Amino acid sequence: MSNNQRAACDWATSLENFAAELTSAVYPLVLRRGPKDSWLKMELGLWRALAETVKMWSRHRPPRGDLDEFKLWREALLLDLTESAVSVAVNNGVRECSLDLELGLYRTFCLMIRRDSYVRRTA
């Protein structure tokens, strides 16, 4: 395996791990709302949706040095993660898909992103 292939594999694994951490953080918030479908189906749905969202936004990450562009990118990522999680919750029959749930998801994603090196930024 070449260094480029290994780096690509490591990057993909890093994104998958990040999505798994995000899923673990928000899953209890959604589960408390009492989904009608299986808890496992919901957890896997969250993981898949968040992994796809993270992968998509990783391709659009701005170059280093442009702090304003990075802040806009990060905010868009947060909103898209929140929207993806809400969509999975609704599709799995969550009873109370309210502004309270959306805010809780958004705040949790904010906390996770602040501590994760994937989105940490030094200008």
C-alpha atoms as a PDB file:
ATOM      1  CA  MET A   1       0.000   0.000   0.000  1.00  0.00           C
ATOM      2  CA  SER A   2       1.395   3.413  -0.969  1.00  0.00           C
ATOM      3  CA  ASN A   3       1.632   6.307   1.436  1.00  0.00           C
ATOM      4  CA  ASN A   4      -1.181   8.096  -0.423  1.00  0.00           C
ATOM      5  CA  GLN A   5      -3.475   5.080  -0.129  1.00  0.00           C
ATOM      6  CA  ARG A   6      -2.632   4.681   3.538  1.00  0.00           C
ATOM      7  CA  ALA A   7      -3.280   8.384   4.185  1.00  0.00           C
ATOM      8  CA  ALA A   8      -6.632   8.175   2.376  1.00  0.00           C
ATOM      9  CA  CYS A   9      -7.566   5.086   4.377  1.00  0.00           C
ATOM     10  CA  ASP A  10      -6.542   6.786   7.638  1.00  0.00           C
ATOM     11  CA  TRP A  11      -8.575   9.882   6.702  1.00  0.00           C
ATOM     12  CA  ALA A  12     -11.661   7.783   5.904  1.00  0.00           C
ATOM     13  CA  THR A  13     -11.291   5.918   9.193  1.00  0.00           C
ATOM     14  CA  SER A  14     -10.931   9.213  11.036  1.00  0.00           C
ATOM     15  CA  LEU A  15     -14.170  10.495   9.492  1.00  0.00           C
ATOM     16  CA  GLU A  16     -15.994   7.260  10.368  1.00  0.00           C
ATOM     17  CA  ASN A  17     -14.743   7.473  13.958  1.00  0.00           C
ATOM     18  CA  PHE A  18     -15.809  11.108  14.188  1.00  0.00           C
ATOM     19  CA  ALA A  19     -19.296  10.190  12.920  1.00  0.00           C
ATOM     20  CA  ALA A  20     -19.485   7.370  15.487  1.00  0.00           C
ATOM     21  CA  GLU A  21     -18.560   9.789  18.285  1.00  0.00           C
ATOM     22  CA  LEU A  22     -21.212  12.248  17.105  1.00  0.00           C
ATOM     23  CA  THR A  23     -23.774   9.438  17.014  1.00  0.00           C
ATOM     24  CA  SER A  24     -22.890   8.318  20.544  1.00  0.00           C
ATOM     25  CA  ALA A  25     -23.298  11.871  21.795  1.00  0.00           C
ATOM     26  CA  VAL A  26     -26.726  12.592  20.283  1.00  0.00           C
ATOM     27  CA  TYR A  27     -28.294   9.133  20.368  1.00  0.00           C
ATOM     28  CA  PRO A  28     -29.514   9.467  23.997  1.00  0.00           C
ATOM     29  CA  LEU A  29     -31.239  12.773  23.143  1.00  0.00           C
ATOM     30  CA  VAL A  30     -33.207  11.141  20.357  1.00  0.00           C
ATOM     31  CA  LEU A  31     -33.845   7.904  22.239  1.00  0.00           C
ATOM     32  CA  ARG A  32     -35.492   9.803  25.118  1.00  0.00           C
ATOM     33  CA  ARG A  33     -38.127  11.013  22.671  1.00  0.00           C
ATOM     34  CA  GLY A  34     -39.430   7.451  22.287  1.00  0.00           C
ATOM     35  CA  PRO A  35     -38.957   6.340  18.698  1.00  0.00           C
ATOM     36  CA  LYS A  36     -41.583   3.952  17.341  1.00  0.00           C
ATOM     37  CA  ASP A  37     -39.043   1.923  15.384  1.00  0.00           C
ATOM     38  CA  SER A  38     -36.290  -0.223  16.840  1.00  0.00           C
ATOM     39  CA  TRP A  39     -33.631   1.597  18.862  1.00  0.00           C
ATOM     40  CA  LEU A  40     -30.965  -0.224  16.839  1.00  0.00           C
ATOM     41  CA  LYS A  41     -32.458   0.876  13.524  1.00  0.00           C
ATOM     42  CA  MET A  42     -32.485   4.442  14.786  1.00  0.00           C
ATOM     43  CA  GLU A  43     -28.898   4.323  16.039  1.00  0.00           C
ATOM     44  CA  LEU A  44     -27.639   2.875  12.756  1.00  0.00           C
ATOM     45  CA  GLY A  45     -29.695   5.429  10.848  1.00  0.00           C
ATOM     46  CA  LEU A  46     -28.128   8.236  12.855  1.00  0.00           C
ATOM     47  CA  TRP A  47     -24.637   6.885  12.277  1.00  0.00           C
ATOM     48  CA  ARG A  48     -25.159   6.509   8.517  1.00  0.00           C
ATOM     49  CA  ALA A  49     -26.691   9.966   8.137  1.00  0.00           C
ATOM     50  CA  LEU A  50     -24.013  11.668  10.224  1.00  0.00           C
ATOM     51  CA  ALA A  51     -21.207   9.780   8.453  1.00  0.00           C
ATOM     52  CA  GLU A  52     -22.526  10.892   5.063  1.00  0.00           C
ATOM     53  CA  THR A  53     -22.844  14.471   6.290  1.00  0.00           C
ATOM     54  CA  VAL A  54     -19.301  14.504   7.689  1.00  0.00           C
ATOM     55  CA  LYS A  55     -17.880  12.986   4.492  1.00  0.00           C
ATOM     56  CA  MET A  56     -19.680  15.505   2.303  1.00  0.00           C
ATOM     57  CA  TRP A  57     -18.563  18.503   4.322  1.00  0.00           C
ATOM     58  CA  SER A  58     -14.976  17.229   4.556  1.00  0.00           C
ATOM     59  CA  ARG A  59     -14.738  17.579   0.766  1.00  0.00           C
ATOM     60  CA  HIS A  60     -15.789  21.238   1.023  1.00  0.00           C
ATOM     61  CA  ARG A  61     -13.522  22.259   3.878  1.00  0.00           C
ATOM     62  CA  PRO A  62     -11.884  25.618   3.152  1.00  0.00           C
ATOM     63  CA  PRO A  63      -8.114  25.950   2.901  1.00  0.00           C
ATOM     64  CA  ARG A  64      -6.122  26.890   5.977  1.00  0.00           C
ATOM     65  CA  GLY A  65      -5.711  30.547   6.686  1.00  0.00           C
ATOM     66  CA  ASP A  66      -9.179  31.882   5.863  1.00  0.00           C
ATOM     67  CA  LEU A  67     -10.781  32.067   9.307  1.00  0.00           C
ATOM     68  CA  ASP A  68     -14.015  33.725   8.151  1.00  0.00           C
ATOM     69  CA  GLU A  69     -14.594  31.081   5.502  1.00  0.00           C
ATOM     70  CA  PHE A  70     -13.830  28.380   8.052  1.00  0.00           C
ATOM     71  CA  LYS A  71     -16.388  29.780  10.510  1.00  0.00           C
ATOM     72  CA  LEU A  72     -19.054  29.771   7.799  1.00  0.00           C
ATOM     73  CA  TRP A  73     -18.115  26.192   6.849  1.00  0.00           C
ATOM     74  CA  ARG A  74     -18.295  25.033  10.467  1.00  0.00           C
ATOM     75  CA  GLU A  75     -21.698  26.649  11.020  1.00  0.00           C
ATOM     76  CA  ALA A  76     -23.047  25.027   7.849  1.00  0.00           C
ATOM     77  CA  LEU A  77     -21.691  21.666   9.043  1.00  0.00           C
ATOM     78  CA  LEU A  78     -23.416  22.096  12.415  1.00  0.00           C
ATOM     79  CA  LEU A  79     -26.731  22.963  10.802  1.00  0.00           C
ATOM     80  CA  ASP A  80     -26.512  20.065   8.361  1.00  0.00           C
ATOM     81  CA  LEU A  81     -25.631  17.599  11.141  1.00  0.00           C
ATOM     82  CA  THR A  82     -28.617  18.830  13.143  1.00  0.00           C
ATOM     83  CA  GLU A  83     -30.924  18.559  10.136  1.00  0.00           C
ATOM     84  CA  SER A  84     -29.680  15.036   9.393  1.00  0.00           C
ATOM     85  CA  ALA A  85     -30.267  13.888  12.981  1.00  0.00           C
ATOM     86  CA  VAL A  86     -33.760  15.411  13.095  1.00  0.00           C
ATOM     87  CA  SER A  87     -34.621  13.722   9.801  1.00  0.00           C
ATOM     88  CA  VAL A  88     -33.579  10.320  11.168  1.00  0.00           C
ATOM     89  CA  ALA A  89     -35.585  10.946  14.342  1.00  0.00           C
ATOM     90  CA  VAL A  90     -38.709  11.819  12.356  1.00  0.00           C
ATOM     91  CA  ASN A  91     -38.255   8.840  10.033  1.00  0.00           C
ATOM     92  CA  ASN A  92     -38.050   6.559  13.074  1.00  0.00           C
ATOM     93  CA  GLY A  93     -41.260   7.867  14.597  1.00  0.00           C
ATOM     94  CA  VAL A  94     -39.930  10.065  17.373  1.00  0.00           C
ATOM     95  CA  ARG A  95     -42.954  11.465  19.181  1.00  0.00           C
ATOM     96  CA  GLU A  96     -41.648  14.900  20.083  1.00  0.00           C
ATOM     97  CA  CYS A  97     -39.552  16.358  17.309  1.00  0.00           C
ATOM     98  CA  SER A  98     -39.568  19.869  18.712  1.00  0.00           C
ATOM     99  CA  LEU A  99     -37.404  22.943  18.710  1.00  0.00           C
ATOM    100  CA  ASP A 100     -36.116  21.688  22.069  1.00  0.00           C
ATOM    101  CA  LEU A 101     -34.758  18.525  20.413  1.00  0.00           C
ATOM    102  CA  GLU A 102     -33.205  20.506  17.563  1.00  0.00           C
ATOM    103  CA  LEU A 103     -31.519  22.872  19.998  1.00  0.00           C
ATOM    104  CA  GLY A 104     -30.230  19.990  22.104  1.00  0.00           C
ATOM    105  CA  LEU A 105     -28.791  18.275  19.019  1.00  0.00           C
ATOM    106  CA  TYR A 106     -27.201  21.506  17.798  1.00  0.00           C
ATOM    107  CA  ARG A 107     -25.613  22.218  21.188  1.00  0.00           C
ATOM    108  CA  THR A 108     -24.282  18.674  21.454  1.00  0.00           C
ATOM    109  CA  PHE A 109     -22.780  18.867  17.981  1.00  0.00           C
ATOM    110  CA  CYS A 110     -21.184  22.215  18.909  1.00  0.00           C
ATOM    111  CA  LEU A 111     -19.551  20.705  21.984  1.00  0.00           C
ATOM    112  CA  MET A 112     -18.295  17.688  20.047  1.00  0.00           C
ATOM    113  CA  ILE A 113     -16.887  19.797  17.247  1.00  0.00           C
ATOM    114  CA  ARG A 114     -15.081  22.122  19.645  1.00  0.00           C
ATOM    115  CA  ARG A 115     -13.173  19.228  21.168  1.00  0.00           C
ATOM    116  CA  ASP A 116     -12.488  17.196  18.020  1.00  0.00           C
ATOM    117  CA  SER A 117      -9.323  17.745  16.021  1.00  0.00           C
ATOM    118  CA  TYR A 118     -11.194  17.122  12.747  1.00  0.00           C
ATOM    119  CA  VAL A 119     -12.745  20.559  12.928  1.00  0.00           C
ATOM    120  CA  ARG A 120     -10.330  22.376  15.206  1.00  0.00           C
ATOM    121  CA  ARG A 121      -8.773  25.259  13.402  1.00  0.00           C
ATOM    122  CA  THR A 122      -5.677  27.327  13.845  1.00  0.00           C
ATOM    123  CA  ALA A 123      -5.590  30.295  11.515  1.00  0.00           C
END
